[in-house]
Amino acid sequence: MSAIREREALRAEISAFCKKLVLSQRAVQLCETEATPKQEEFLHRVLSEEMESRERSRRTRLLSRAGFPVYKTLEGYERHGVKLPSSLQWSDLTEGTFIEGRRNLVLYGPVGTGKM
């Protein structure tokens, strides 16, 4: 009896996925008449992963449209050509102590300095 309830719950989720993906309910009808339990599980997995993929793409698209600043780290930063002011040490830069002191920061070097 619980296997029947599990299949009904699976079909209900498949139906919800179809609605969210703007598909007809034909997949649910086929599950009721022709699909084996394994086929229903596979269809559920496919639709579930498609929903997750679309959600990830949606979030990525919306974040890129929002125009938030891109945060960067100093990892992999090539600093061999960078000249720091005499009052500033590299550790001041990596630890951000110049920010606490409310000091401006200007790095000198050839074009493309710091690019990986």
N, C-alpha and C. Protein backbone atom coordinates (compact mmCIF):
# COMPACT_ATOMS: atom_id res chain seq x y z
N MET A 1 0.81 -1.20 0.00
CA MET A 1 0.00 0.00 0.00
C MET A 1 0.86 1.26 0.00
N SER A 2 2.01 1.24 0.70
CA SER A 2 2.85 2.42 0.75
C SER A 2 3.52 2.67 -0.61
N ALA A 3 3.76 1.62 -1.38
CA ALA A 3 4.35 1.79 -2.70
C ALA A 3 3.41 2.58 -3.60
N ILE A 4 2.14 2.35 -3.45
CA ILE A 4 1.14 3.09 -4.25
C ILE A 4 1.16 4.56 -3.85
N ARG A 5 1.24 4.83 -2.56
CA ARG A 5 1.28 6.22 -2.07
C ARG A 5 2.57 6.92 -2.53
N GLU A 6 3.66 6.18 -2.51
CA GLU A 6 4.93 6.75 -2.97
C GLU A 6 4.85 7.12 -4.44
N ARG A 7 4.24 6.24 -5.24
CA ARG A 7 4.11 6.55 -6.67
C ARG A 7 3.19 7.73 -6.89
N GLU A 8 2.13 7.83 -6.09
CA GLU A 8 1.21 8.96 -6.22
C GLU A 8 1.91 10.26 -5.83
N ALA A 9 2.74 10.20 -4.79
CA ALA A 9 3.49 11.39 -4.38
C ALA A 9 4.49 11.78 -5.46
N LEU A 10 5.14 10.78 -6.05
CA LEU A 10 6.08 11.03 -7.13
C LEU A 10 5.38 11.66 -8.32
N ARG A 11 4.21 11.17 -8.65
CA ARG A 11 3.43 11.74 -9.77
C ARG A 11 2.99 13.16 -9.46
N ALA A 12 2.65 13.41 -8.20
CA ALA A 12 2.26 14.78 -7.82
C ALA A 12 3.45 15.74 -8.00
N GLU A 13 4.64 15.28 -7.64
CA GLU A 13 5.83 16.12 -7.83
C GLU A 13 6.13 16.29 -9.31
N ILE A 14 5.97 15.23 -10.09
CA ILE A 14 6.17 15.33 -11.55
C ILE A 14 5.19 16.33 -12.13
N SER A 15 3.95 16.28 -11.66
CA SER A 15 2.94 17.23 -12.12
C SER A 15 3.33 18.66 -11.79
N ALA A 16 3.83 18.88 -10.58
CA ALA A 16 4.26 20.22 -10.18
C ALA A 16 5.43 20.69 -11.03
N PHE A 17 6.38 19.78 -11.31
CA PHE A 17 7.51 20.13 -12.16
C PHE A 17 7.03 20.51 -13.56
N CYS A 18 6.08 19.74 -14.09
CA CYS A 18 5.55 20.03 -15.42
C CYS A 18 4.91 21.42 -15.46
N LYS A 19 4.19 21.77 -14.40
CA LYS A 19 3.58 23.11 -14.34
C LYS A 19 4.64 24.19 -14.32
N LYS A 20 5.67 24.00 -13.50
CA LYS A 20 6.72 25.01 -13.39
C LYS A 20 7.54 25.12 -14.68
N LEU A 21 7.70 24.01 -15.38
CA LEU A 21 8.46 24.00 -16.63
C LEU A 21 7.59 24.33 -17.84
N VAL A 22 6.32 24.62 -17.61
CA VAL A 22 5.34 24.94 -18.64
C VAL A 22 5.25 23.79 -19.65
N LEU A 23 5.04 22.61 -19.12
CA LEU A 23 4.82 21.41 -19.93
C LEU A 23 3.39 20.93 -19.69
N SER A 24 2.87 20.16 -20.63
CA SER A 24 1.54 19.59 -20.44
C SER A 24 1.60 18.49 -19.38
N GLN A 25 0.45 18.05 -18.95
CA GLN A 25 0.37 16.99 -17.95
C GLN A 25 0.39 15.60 -18.59
N ARG A 26 0.73 15.54 -19.86
CA ARG A 26 0.78 14.26 -20.57
C ARG A 26 1.77 13.30 -19.92
N ALA A 27 2.88 13.80 -19.39
CA ALA A 27 3.87 12.93 -18.75
C ALA A 27 3.25 12.23 -17.54
N VAL A 28 2.41 12.94 -16.80
CA VAL A 28 1.76 12.33 -15.63
C VAL A 28 0.77 11.26 -16.09
N GLN A 29 0.05 11.55 -17.16
CA GLN A 29 -0.90 10.57 -17.69
C GLN A 29 -0.18 9.31 -18.16
N LEU A 30 0.95 9.48 -18.81
CA LEU A 30 1.72 8.32 -19.26
C LEU A 30 2.26 7.53 -18.07
N CYS A 31 2.65 8.23 -17.01
CA CYS A 31 3.12 7.54 -15.80
C CYS A 31 2.02 6.67 -15.22
N GLU A 32 0.80 7.18 -15.23
CA GLU A 32 -0.32 6.44 -14.66
C GLU A 32 -0.66 5.19 -15.46
N THR A 33 -0.50 5.27 -16.79
CA THR A 33 -0.95 4.16 -17.62
C THR A 33 0.16 3.23 -18.10
N GLU A 34 1.36 3.76 -18.36
CA GLU A 34 2.35 2.94 -19.04
C GLU A 34 3.71 2.83 -18.36
N ALA A 35 4.04 3.71 -17.48
CA ALA A 35 5.41 3.75 -16.93
C ALA A 35 5.59 2.78 -15.78
N THR A 36 6.78 2.24 -15.70
CA THR A 36 7.16 1.40 -14.55
C THR A 36 7.62 2.33 -13.42
N PRO A 37 7.71 1.82 -12.21
CA PRO A 37 8.20 2.67 -11.11
C PRO A 37 9.59 3.25 -11.38
N LYS A 38 10.47 2.46 -11.97
CA LYS A 38 11.82 2.95 -12.28
C LYS A 38 11.77 4.07 -13.31
N GLN A 39 10.89 3.94 -14.29
CA GLN A 39 10.76 4.99 -15.30
C GLN A 39 10.22 6.28 -14.68
N GLU A 40 9.28 6.14 -13.75
CA GLU A 40 8.75 7.32 -13.06
C GLU A 40 9.84 7.99 -12.23
N GLU A 41 10.66 7.19 -11.56
CA GLU A 41 11.76 7.75 -10.77
C GLU A 41 12.75 8.48 -11.67
N PHE A 42 13.03 7.90 -12.83
CA PHE A 42 13.94 8.54 -13.77
C PHE A 42 13.37 9.86 -14.27
N LEU A 43 12.10 9.85 -14.65
CA LEU A 43 11.46 11.08 -15.13
C LEU A 43 11.47 12.14 -14.03
N HIS A 44 11.20 11.73 -12.81
CA HIS A 44 11.22 12.66 -11.67
C HIS A 44 12.62 13.27 -11.52
N ARG A 45 13.63 12.44 -11.62
CA ARG A 45 15.02 12.91 -11.48
C ARG A 45 15.38 13.89 -12.60
N VAL A 46 14.98 13.57 -13.83
CA VAL A 46 15.27 14.44 -14.97
C VAL A 46 14.61 15.80 -14.78
N LEU A 47 13.34 15.80 -14.42
CA LEU A 47 12.62 17.06 -14.24
C LEU A 47 13.17 17.85 -13.05
N SER A 48 13.52 17.14 -12.00
CA SER A 48 14.09 17.80 -10.82
C SER A 48 15.41 18.48 -11.15
N GLU A 49 16.27 17.76 -11.85
CA GLU A 49 17.57 18.34 -12.21
C GLU A 49 17.41 19.49 -13.19
N GLU A 50 16.41 19.42 -14.07
CA GLU A 50 16.16 20.53 -14.99
C GLU A 50 15.70 21.76 -14.22
N MET A 51 14.87 21.56 -13.21
CA MET A 51 14.43 22.69 -12.38
C MET A 51 15.62 23.31 -11.66
N GLU A 52 16.50 22.49 -11.10
CA GLU A 52 17.68 23.00 -10.40
C GLU A 52 18.59 23.75 -11.36
N SER A 53 18.76 23.21 -12.56
CA SER A 53 19.61 23.86 -13.56
C SER A 53 19.05 25.22 -13.95
N ARG A 54 17.76 25.28 -14.15
CA ARG A 54 17.13 26.55 -14.51
C ARG A 54 17.23 27.56 -13.37
N GLU A 55 17.10 27.09 -12.15
CA GLU A 55 17.21 27.98 -11.00
C GLU A 55 18.62 28.54 -10.88
N ARG A 56 19.63 27.68 -11.07
CA ARG A 56 21.02 28.16 -11.04
C ARG A 56 21.26 29.19 -12.14
N SER A 57 20.78 28.90 -13.35
CA SER A 57 20.95 29.82 -14.47
C SER A 57 20.23 31.14 -14.20
N ARG A 58 19.05 31.04 -13.63
CA ARG A 58 18.26 32.23 -13.31
C ARG A 58 18.99 33.12 -12.30
N ARG A 59 19.52 32.49 -11.25
CA ARG A 59 20.26 33.25 -10.24
C ARG A 59 21.50 33.91 -10.84
N THR A 60 22.23 33.17 -11.65
CA THR A 60 23.43 33.70 -12.29
C THR A 60 23.07 34.87 -13.19
N ARG A 61 22.01 34.71 -13.98
CA ARG A 61 21.58 35.76 -14.90
C ARG A 61 21.15 37.01 -14.14
N LEU A 62 20.36 36.83 -13.07
CA LEU A 62 19.88 37.98 -12.30
C LEU A 62 21.02 38.69 -11.58
N LEU A 63 21.98 37.91 -11.05
CA LEU A 63 23.13 38.54 -10.40
C LEU A 63 23.98 39.34 -11.38
N SER A 64 24.14 38.81 -12.59
CA SER A 64 24.94 39.55 -13.57
C SER A 64 24.19 40.80 -14.03
N ARG A 65 22.88 40.73 -14.13
CA ARG A 65 22.08 41.90 -14.50
C ARG A 65 22.08 42.97 -13.41
N ALA A 66 22.19 42.54 -12.17
CA ALA A 66 22.15 43.47 -11.05
C ALA A 66 23.36 44.41 -11.06
N GLY A 67 24.45 43.97 -11.65
CA GLY A 67 25.62 44.83 -11.76
C GLY A 67 26.36 45.02 -10.45
N PHE A 68 26.32 44.04 -9.58
CA PHE A 68 27.07 44.13 -8.34
C PHE A 68 28.55 44.17 -8.65
N PRO A 69 29.32 44.83 -7.81
CA PRO A 69 30.76 44.86 -8.07
C PRO A 69 31.36 43.47 -7.96
N VAL A 70 32.39 43.24 -8.74
CA VAL A 70 33.07 41.95 -8.72
C VAL A 70 34.15 42.02 -7.64
N TYR A 71 34.08 41.12 -6.70
CA TYR A 71 35.07 41.10 -5.64
C TYR A 71 36.25 40.24 -6.08
N LYS A 72 37.43 40.77 -5.84
CA LYS A 72 38.64 40.07 -6.22
C LYS A 72 39.51 39.88 -5.00
N THR A 73 40.38 38.91 -5.07
CA THR A 73 41.33 38.66 -3.98
C THR A 73 42.74 38.88 -4.51
N LEU A 74 43.69 38.85 -3.62
CA LEU A 74 45.09 39.00 -4.02
C LEU A 74 45.75 37.68 -4.36
N GLU A 75 44.97 36.61 -4.31
CA GLU A 75 45.51 35.29 -4.64
C GLU A 75 45.89 35.25 -6.12
N GLY A 76 47.12 34.85 -6.39
CA GLY A 76 47.60 34.77 -7.76
C GLY A 76 48.03 36.12 -8.33
N TYR A 77 48.02 37.17 -7.54
CA TYR A 77 48.38 38.50 -7.98
C TYR A 77 49.89 38.58 -8.20
N GLU A 78 50.30 38.99 -9.37
CA GLU A 78 51.72 39.14 -9.69
C GLU A 78 52.17 40.51 -9.22
N ARG A 79 52.98 40.56 -8.18
CA ARG A 79 53.38 41.85 -7.61
C ARG A 79 54.84 42.19 -7.85
N HIS A 80 55.51 41.43 -8.69
CA HIS A 80 56.95 41.67 -8.88
C HIS A 80 57.25 43.04 -9.48
N GLY A 81 56.35 43.61 -10.28
CA GLY A 81 56.59 44.91 -10.90
C GLY A 81 55.92 46.06 -10.17
N VAL A 82 55.26 45.78 -9.06
CA VAL A 82 54.53 46.80 -8.34
C VAL A 82 55.46 47.53 -7.38
N LYS A 83 55.38 48.87 -7.39
CA LYS A 83 56.15 49.68 -6.45
C LYS A 83 55.18 50.30 -5.46
N LEU A 84 55.34 49.96 -4.21
CA LEU A 84 54.49 50.53 -3.17
C LEU A 84 55.12 51.81 -2.64
N PRO A 85 54.30 52.75 -2.16
CA PRO A 85 54.84 53.94 -1.51
C PRO A 85 55.70 53.52 -0.32
N SER A 86 56.67 54.34 0.03
CA SER A 86 57.59 53.98 1.12
C SER A 86 56.88 53.83 2.46
N SER A 87 55.75 54.47 2.61
CA SER A 87 55.03 54.38 3.88
C SER A 87 54.12 53.15 3.96
N LEU A 88 54.14 52.32 2.94
CA LEU A 88 53.23 51.18 2.88
C LEU A 88 54.01 49.89 2.65
N GLN A 89 53.70 48.89 3.43
CA GLN A 89 54.29 47.56 3.26
C GLN A 89 53.28 46.65 2.58
N TRP A 90 53.77 45.57 1.97
CA TRP A 90 52.86 44.62 1.31
C TRP A 90 51.87 44.04 2.31
N SER A 91 52.29 43.82 3.54
CA SER A 91 51.39 43.28 4.56
C SER A 91 50.25 44.26 4.86
N ASP A 92 50.53 45.58 4.74
CA ASP A 92 49.46 46.57 4.92
C ASP A 92 48.39 46.40 3.85
N LEU A 93 48.84 46.05 2.66
CA LEU A 93 47.90 45.84 1.56
C LEU A 93 47.08 44.57 1.77
N THR A 94 47.76 43.47 2.09
CA THR A 94 47.05 42.20 2.23
C THR A 94 46.14 42.17 3.45
N GLU A 95 46.51 42.86 4.50
CA GLU A 95 45.69 42.88 5.71
C GLU A 95 44.67 44.02 5.71
N GLY A 96 44.81 44.96 4.79
CA GLY A 96 43.85 46.05 4.68
C GLY A 96 44.01 47.13 5.74
N THR A 97 45.19 47.24 6.34
CA THR A 97 45.37 48.25 7.39
C THR A 97 45.30 49.67 6.84
N PHE A 98 45.59 49.85 5.55
CA PHE A 98 45.47 51.19 4.97
C PHE A 98 44.02 51.67 4.96
N ILE A 99 43.08 50.73 4.97
CA ILE A 99 41.66 51.08 5.00
C ILE A 99 41.29 51.63 6.37
N GLU A 100 41.76 50.95 7.41
CA GLU A 100 41.47 51.40 8.77
C GLU A 100 42.04 52.79 9.02
N GLY A 101 43.20 53.08 8.43
CA GLY A 101 43.81 54.38 8.59
C GLY A 101 43.24 55.43 7.65
N ARG A 102 42.27 55.02 6.82
CA ARG A 102 41.61 55.90 5.85
C ARG A 102 42.61 56.58 4.94
N ARG A 103 43.58 55.79 4.46
CA ARG A 103 44.60 56.30 3.55
C ARG A 103 44.30 55.82 2.14
N ASN A 104 44.57 56.66 1.18
CA ASN A 104 44.42 56.27 -0.22
C ASN A 104 45.55 55.33 -0.60
N LEU A 105 45.30 54.54 -1.62
CA LEU A 105 46.29 53.58 -2.07
C LEU A 105 46.52 53.75 -3.57
N VAL A 106 47.77 53.95 -3.95
CA VAL A 106 48.13 54.07 -5.36
C VAL A 106 49.27 53.10 -5.62
N LEU A 107 49.08 52.20 -6.56
CA LEU A 107 50.13 51.25 -6.92
C LEU A 107 50.73 51.70 -8.25
N TYR A 108 52.04 51.67 -8.33
CA TYR A 108 52.75 52.07 -9.54
C TYR A 108 53.29 50.82 -10.22
N GLY A 109 53.27 50.81 -11.53
CA GLY A 109 53.83 49.70 -12.27
C GLY A 109 53.47 49.80 -13.73
N PRO A 110 54.06 48.96 -14.56
CA PRO A 110 53.74 48.99 -15.99
C PRO A 110 52.30 48.55 -16.25
N VAL A 111 51.84 48.81 -17.45
CA VAL A 111 50.49 48.44 -17.86
C VAL A 111 50.30 46.94 -17.71
N GLY A 112 49.17 46.52 -17.14
CA GLY A 112 48.88 45.11 -16.97
C GLY A 112 49.47 44.52 -15.72
N THR A 113 50.07 45.34 -14.88
CA THR A 113 50.66 44.84 -13.64
C THR A 113 49.57 44.22 -12.78
N GLY A 114 49.86 43.05 -12.28
CA GLY A 114 48.92 42.38 -11.39
C GLY A 114 48.01 41.39 -12.09
N LYS A 115 47.94 41.43 -13.42
CA LYS A 115 47.08 40.49 -14.13
C LYS A 115 47.72 39.12 -14.14
N MET A 116 46.88 38.12 -14.11
CA MET A 116 47.38 36.75 -14.12
C MET A 116 47.49 36.24 -15.54
